[in-house]
Amino acid sequence: MQANQLKAALADSQYRAIILSYADANHYLAGALDTDGNYHILSDNNDTLKPFNSLREAECALVELGATQALLKMQSAYEEIGPSDFCGDGISNMEIRQLKRAGSTV
């Protein structure tokens, strides 16, 4: 989902911002989760997923698109060795706080 589409989706109460982190991956994905459980991940103009090098970069991208909070879904390598009901689904709430830029009066 391209940035302008994701921005519109995040303004809709049917979507929640989400950041995904997968075991053994050195990047994060940012996007939205709809009420049916479908992911809509931020992509570029060529529909290529846009990875972020840090959790903070992913947070900032979502803040720029209007998100004020997000879900963080982290997959752990340990989930592969145990039953899913033991580890849960790995989703936790995370609040995104928009930081003021240097020189900003807001």
Protein backbone atom coordinates (compact mmCIF):
# COMPACT_ATOMS: atom_id res chain seq x y z
CA MET A 1 0.00 0.00 0.00
CA GLN A 2 1.48 3.31 -1.03
CA ALA A 3 1.89 6.16 1.46
CA ASN A 4 -1.16 8.18 0.33
CA GLN A 5 -3.38 5.08 0.51
CA LEU A 6 -2.01 4.11 3.92
CA LYS A 7 -2.59 7.64 5.22
CA ALA A 8 -6.24 7.45 4.14
CA ALA A 9 -6.59 3.98 5.66
CA LEU A 10 -5.17 5.13 9.00
CA ALA A 11 -7.77 7.90 9.11
CA ASP A 12 -10.45 5.17 8.91
CA SER A 13 -11.42 3.47 12.18
CA GLN A 14 -11.44 0.11 10.35
CA TYR A 15 -7.62 0.15 10.26
CA ARG A 16 -4.95 0.18 12.98
CA ALA A 17 -1.32 1.06 12.47
CA ILE A 18 1.03 -1.88 12.90
CA ILE A 19 4.77 -2.53 12.88
CA LEU A 20 6.00 -6.03 12.09
CA SER A 21 9.28 -7.52 13.22
CA TYR A 22 10.21 -11.03 12.18
CA ALA A 23 12.75 -13.35 13.77
CA ASP A 24 16.19 -13.14 12.21
CA ALA A 25 15.20 -10.12 10.10
CA ASN A 26 17.28 -6.97 10.33
CA HIS A 27 14.41 -4.69 9.37
CA TYR A 28 10.85 -3.69 10.32
CA LEU A 29 7.74 -3.29 8.17
CA ALA A 30 5.10 -0.61 8.82
CA GLY A 31 1.51 -0.53 7.70
CA ALA A 32 -2.06 -1.12 8.78
CA LEU A 33 -4.15 -4.01 10.01
CA ASP A 34 -7.82 -4.13 8.99
CA THR A 35 -10.70 -5.60 11.01
CA ASP A 36 -10.47 -8.86 9.06
CA GLY A 37 -6.85 -9.34 10.14
CA ASN A 38 -5.33 -8.46 6.76
CA TYR A 39 -2.03 -6.58 6.63
CA HIS A 40 -1.58 -3.56 4.36
CA ILE A 41 2.16 -2.87 4.34
CA LEU A 42 3.76 0.39 3.23
CA SER A 43 5.33 0.08 -0.23
CA ASP A 44 6.96 2.33 -2.80
CA ASN A 45 5.59 3.39 -6.20
CA ASN A 46 6.62 0.01 -7.66
CA ASP A 47 4.66 -1.89 -4.97
CA THR A 48 7.89 -3.09 -3.38
CA LEU A 49 7.70 -3.37 0.40
CA LYS A 50 9.51 -0.56 2.17
CA PRO A 51 11.67 -1.93 5.02
CA PHE A 52 12.94 0.23 7.89
CA ASN A 53 16.30 -0.26 9.60
CA SER A 54 14.98 0.43 13.09
CA LEU A 55 11.80 0.46 15.10
CA ARG A 56 12.17 4.24 15.46
CA GLU A 57 12.28 4.71 11.66
CA ALA A 58 9.08 2.69 11.29
CA GLU A 59 7.42 4.72 14.07
CA CYS A 60 8.37 8.01 12.40
CA ALA A 61 6.97 6.86 9.05
CA LEU A 62 3.63 6.02 10.68
CA VAL A 63 3.57 9.33 12.58
CA GLU A 64 4.09 11.18 9.28
CA LEU A 65 1.01 9.34 7.96
CA GLY A 66 -1.12 10.42 10.92
CA ALA A 67 -0.82 7.49 13.34
CA THR A 68 -0.75 8.26 17.05
CA GLN A 69 -0.45 4.68 18.27
CA ALA A 70 0.32 1.32 16.76
CA LEU A 71 0.41 -2.38 17.40
CA LEU A 72 3.81 -4.02 17.44
CA LYS A 73 3.91 -7.64 16.31
CA MET A 74 7.17 -9.37 16.97
CA GLN A 75 7.85 -12.92 15.91
CA SER A 76 10.41 -14.66 18.04
CA ALA A 77 12.54 -17.61 17.00
CA TYR A 78 11.28 -19.29 20.19
CA GLU A 79 7.73 -19.43 18.80
CA GLU A 80 8.93 -22.08 16.35
CA ILE A 81 9.95 -24.50 19.09
CA GLY A 82 6.89 -24.34 21.32
CA PRO A 83 3.11 -24.43 21.10
CA SER A 84 1.51 -21.19 20.00
CA ASP A 85 -0.79 -21.08 23.04
CA PHE A 86 2.29 -20.99 25.30
CA CYS A 87 3.84 -17.93 23.67
CA GLY A 88 0.66 -16.15 22.61
CA ASP A 89 0.31 -14.30 19.34
CA GLY A 90 3.17 -11.89 19.97
CA ILE A 91 1.09 -8.73 19.60
CA SER A 92 1.51 -5.96 22.13
CA ASN A 93 0.25 -2.39 22.18
CA MET A 94 2.83 0.28 21.59
CA GLU A 95 2.21 4.00 21.81
CA ILE A 96 3.89 6.16 19.20
CA ARG A 97 4.82 9.56 20.55
CA GLN A 98 5.50 12.29 18.07
CA LEU A 99 8.67 14.16 19.01
CA LYS A 100 8.98 17.89 18.43
CA ARG A 101 11.51 18.90 15.83
CA ALA A 102 14.31 21.24 16.80
CA GLY A 103 13.06 24.82 16.71
CA SER A 104 9.39 23.77 16.67
CA THR A 105 7.00 25.78 18.81
CA VAL A 106 4.28 23.14 18.71
